[in-house]
């Protein structure tokens, strides 16, 4: 399968999954975004749940945000960067994800967990996996766990642990491969 071309790059946005002030996961999301930007044939941007302006008057597709839905519909894959809050995922992330359904089907998703503790958001990833499946997304085999995030980035977001360059690039290798394969399937193989 030929790689994505300049006229038709893969679109893989990064979703920052928490609206909290002082969020350390913002450093991780921006780092993953910058590493994704370095990939040939890939277009990306940051989608911050804080900036979506989600309504609290209803839920699900009743509060669909047209701009967000168009980005999800256009994407070939998603990267979700989410902190672990009390062994789970942020409610605002779930609220945002639930505004779309058909837009996700047969697209790849890579998950990055963030935690101040030693497990690197592994529980947030564990709890997001069944949600991803229900939405119709296909998860990668690899994920990125930012353990003790306060030791990975300084207060300004500068990377302090260069091992994350390798980790994120391995993660992106798989995600991009899956995005290409699933795009080919969506475009060339009729569902049965």
Protein backbone atom coordinates (compact mmCIF):
# COMPACT_ATOMS: atom_id res chain seq x y z
CA UNK A 1 0.00 0.00 0.00
CA UNK A 2 1.55 3.35 -0.97
CA UNK A 3 2.13 5.90 1.79
CA UNK A 4 -0.21 8.87 2.12
CA UNK A 5 0.66 11.55 -0.40
CA UNK A 6 1.11 15.28 0.13
CA UNK A 7 -2.19 15.93 -1.62
CA UNK A 8 -3.97 13.42 0.60
CA UNK A 9 -2.26 13.16 3.97
CA UNK A 10 -3.65 11.23 6.90
CA UNK A 11 -5.48 13.48 9.34
CA UNK A 12 -4.72 12.46 12.93
CA UNK A 13 -5.80 15.05 15.52
CA UNK A 14 -4.72 14.90 19.17
CA UNK A 15 -7.53 15.26 21.71
CA UNK A 16 -6.53 16.72 25.07
CA UNK A 17 -9.09 15.09 27.33
CA UNK A 18 -9.36 17.34 30.38
CA UNK A 19 -10.53 20.91 30.97
CA UNK A 20 -8.87 21.29 34.40
CA UNK A 21 -6.66 24.26 35.22
CA UNK A 22 -2.99 23.46 35.81
CA UNK A 23 -3.26 20.22 33.85
CA UNK A 24 0.09 18.49 33.34
CA UNK A 25 -1.45 16.39 30.58
CA UNK A 26 -1.31 19.50 28.39
CA UNK A 27 2.49 19.11 28.23
CA UNK A 28 2.10 15.49 27.16
CA UNK A 29 -0.52 16.37 24.53
CA UNK A 30 1.63 19.12 23.04
CA UNK A 31 4.66 16.83 22.97
CA UNK A 32 2.70 14.08 21.17
CA UNK A 33 1.31 16.72 18.78
CA UNK A 34 4.81 17.97 17.91
CA UNK A 35 6.09 14.43 17.32
CA UNK A 36 3.07 13.74 15.07
CA UNK A 37 3.75 16.93 13.08
CA UNK A 38 7.20 15.54 12.19
CA UNK A 39 5.65 12.63 10.28
CA UNK A 40 5.59 12.89 6.50
CA UNK A 41 2.13 12.51 5.02
CA UNK A 42 0.36 13.31 8.30
CA UNK A 43 -1.66 16.38 9.20
CA UNK A 44 -2.57 17.01 12.83
CA UNK A 45 -3.95 19.57 15.23
CA UNK A 46 -4.82 19.82 18.91
CA UNK A 47 -8.45 19.47 19.95
CA UNK A 48 -8.83 20.68 23.53
CA UNK A 49 -12.04 19.57 25.27
CA UNK A 50 -11.84 22.80 27.27
CA UNK A 51 -12.30 24.80 24.05
CA UNK A 52 -15.21 22.79 22.62
CA UNK A 53 -17.89 24.69 24.51
CA UNK A 54 -19.92 21.59 25.28
CA UNK A 55 -23.50 22.15 26.34
CA UNK A 56 -24.57 20.79 29.69
CA UNK A 57 -28.27 20.98 28.80
CA UNK A 58 -28.33 17.63 27.03
CA UNK A 59 -26.02 14.78 26.09
CA UNK A 60 -24.87 12.63 23.22
CA UNK A 61 -25.53 13.55 19.65
CA UNK A 62 -28.17 16.10 20.72
CA UNK A 63 -25.30 18.48 21.54
CA UNK A 64 -23.21 17.70 18.46
CA UNK A 65 -20.68 20.46 17.78
CA UNK A 66 -20.47 20.81 13.97
CA UNK A 67 -16.77 21.82 13.86
CA UNK A 68 -15.71 18.97 16.15
CA UNK A 69 -17.90 16.47 14.28
CA UNK A 70 -16.41 17.52 10.94
CA UNK A 71 -12.89 16.98 12.27
CA UNK A 72 -13.81 13.54 13.60
CA UNK A 73 -15.54 12.65 10.34
CA UNK A 74 -12.51 13.77 8.31
CA UNK A 75 -9.89 12.11 10.52
CA UNK A 76 -8.21 8.82 9.72
CA UNK A 77 -7.23 8.24 13.35
CA UNK A 78 -7.34 9.94 16.72
CA UNK A 79 -4.86 10.28 19.53
CA UNK A 80 -6.40 10.77 22.96
CA UNK A 81 -4.24 12.14 25.77
CA UNK A 82 -6.08 11.77 29.06
CA UNK A 83 -5.10 12.01 32.70
CA UNK A 84 -6.20 9.42 35.19
CA UNK A 85 -8.68 10.84 37.69
CA UNK A 86 -9.53 8.49 40.57
CA UNK A 87 -8.79 5.38 38.48
CA UNK A 88 -10.92 6.61 35.56
CA UNK A 89 -11.18 9.08 32.71
CA UNK A 90 -12.33 12.69 32.85
CA UNK A 91 -16.09 13.12 32.54
CA UNK A 92 -15.69 15.97 30.06
CA UNK A 93 -13.75 13.68 27.72
CA UNK A 94 -16.56 11.12 27.76
CA UNK A 95 -19.13 13.89 27.28
CA UNK A 96 -17.20 15.16 24.23
CA UNK A 97 -16.67 11.71 22.72
CA UNK A 98 -20.36 10.87 23.04
CA UNK A 99 -21.33 13.77 20.77
CA UNK A 100 -20.36 11.64 17.77
CA UNK A 101 -21.05 8.05 16.79
CA UNK A 102 -20.98 7.15 13.09
CA UNK A 103 -18.01 9.48 12.57
CA UNK A 104 -15.72 7.08 14.48
CA UNK A 105 -16.51 3.77 12.83
CA UNK A 106 -13.52 1.80 11.52
CA UNK A 107 -10.95 4.43 12.45
CA UNK A 108 -7.81 3.91 14.52
CA UNK A 109 -7.27 5.42 17.94
CA UNK A 110 -4.15 5.58 20.08
CA UNK A 111 -4.36 6.25 23.80
CA UNK A 112 -1.91 8.13 26.01
CA UNK A 113 -2.42 8.01 29.76
CA UNK A 114 -1.04 10.62 32.12
CA UNK A 115 -0.56 10.31 35.87
CA UNK A 116 1.36 11.91 38.70
CA UNK A 117 1.76 8.40 40.09
CA UNK A 118 3.89 5.44 39.04
CA UNK A 119 1.38 3.71 36.74
CA UNK A 120 1.27 6.38 34.04
CA UNK A 121 -2.44 6.50 33.51
CA UNK A 122 -2.69 2.78 32.80
CA UNK A 123 -6.09 2.69 34.50
CA UNK A 124 -7.46 5.54 32.38
CA UNK A 125 -6.42 3.58 29.29
CA UNK A 126 -7.93 0.39 30.70
CA UNK A 127 -11.25 2.15 31.28
CA UNK A 128 -11.25 3.88 27.89
CA UNK A 129 -10.77 0.64 25.92
CA UNK A 130 -14.41 -0.57 26.11
CA UNK A 131 -15.60 2.96 25.32
CA UNK A 132 -13.43 3.04 22.18
CA UNK A 133 -14.81 -0.31 21.07
CA UNK A 134 -18.40 0.81 21.62
CA UNK A 135 -17.76 3.94 19.54
CA UNK A 136 -16.48 1.79 16.65
CA UNK A 137 -12.84 2.82 16.98
CA UNK A 138 -9.98 0.35 16.61
CA UNK A 139 -7.33 0.72 19.32
CA UNK A 140 -3.63 0.26 18.77
CA UNK A 141 -1.72 -2.49 20.55
CA UNK A 142 0.64 0.08 22.02
CA UNK A 143 -0.08 3.09 24.14
CA UNK A 144 2.03 5.71 25.87
CA UNK A 145 2.02 6.02 29.64
CA UNK A 146 3.36 9.25 31.07
CA UNK A 147 4.15 8.08 34.63
CA UNK A 148 5.12 10.68 37.22
CA UNK A 149 4.45 13.34 34.61
CA UNK A 150 5.95 16.00 36.89
CA UNK A 151 9.33 14.31 36.24
CA UNK A 152 8.80 13.98 32.47
CA UNK A 153 8.22 17.70 31.73
CA UNK A 154 9.28 20.83 33.53
CA UNK A 155 6.79 23.57 34.47
CA UNK A 156 7.10 25.07 30.96
CA UNK A 157 6.50 21.78 29.17
CA UNK A 158 10.14 21.05 28.26
CA UNK A 159 10.77 17.32 27.94
CA UNK A 160 13.10 16.03 30.68
CA UNK A 161 13.09 12.34 29.74
CA UNK A 162 14.30 11.66 26.18
CA UNK A 163 13.08 8.05 26.29
CA UNK A 164 9.62 9.40 25.46
CA UNK A 165 10.78 10.37 21.97
CA UNK A 166 11.35 6.68 21.19
CA UNK A 167 8.15 5.61 22.97
CA UNK A 168 5.96 8.08 21.13
CA UNK A 169 7.56 7.28 17.79
CA UNK A 170 6.92 3.53 18.23
CA UNK A 171 3.33 4.38 19.16
CA UNK A 172 2.98 6.60 16.05
CA UNK A 173 4.46 3.91 13.78
CA UNK A 174 1.66 1.53 14.72
CA UNK A 175 -1.08 4.17 14.72
CA UNK A 176 -0.13 5.45 11.26
CA UNK A 177 0.03 1.91 9.86
CA UNK A 178 -3.42 1.15 11.28
CA UNK A 179 -4.80 4.46 9.99
CA UNK A 180 -3.57 3.64 6.48
CA UNK A 181 -4.96 0.10 6.53
CA UNK A 182 -8.34 1.19 7.90
CA UNK A 183 -8.60 4.06 5.39
CA UNK A 184 -7.96 1.56 2.60
CA UNK A 185 -10.66 -0.70 4.01
CA UNK A 186 -13.22 2.09 4.42
CA UNK A 187 -12.63 3.25 0.86
CA UNK A 188 -12.26 -0.06 -0.95
CA UNK A 189 -14.07 -2.84 0.88
CA UNK A 190 -17.84 -2.71 1.23
CA UNK A 191 -19.18 -3.56 4.69
CA UNK A 192 -21.07 -6.82 4.87
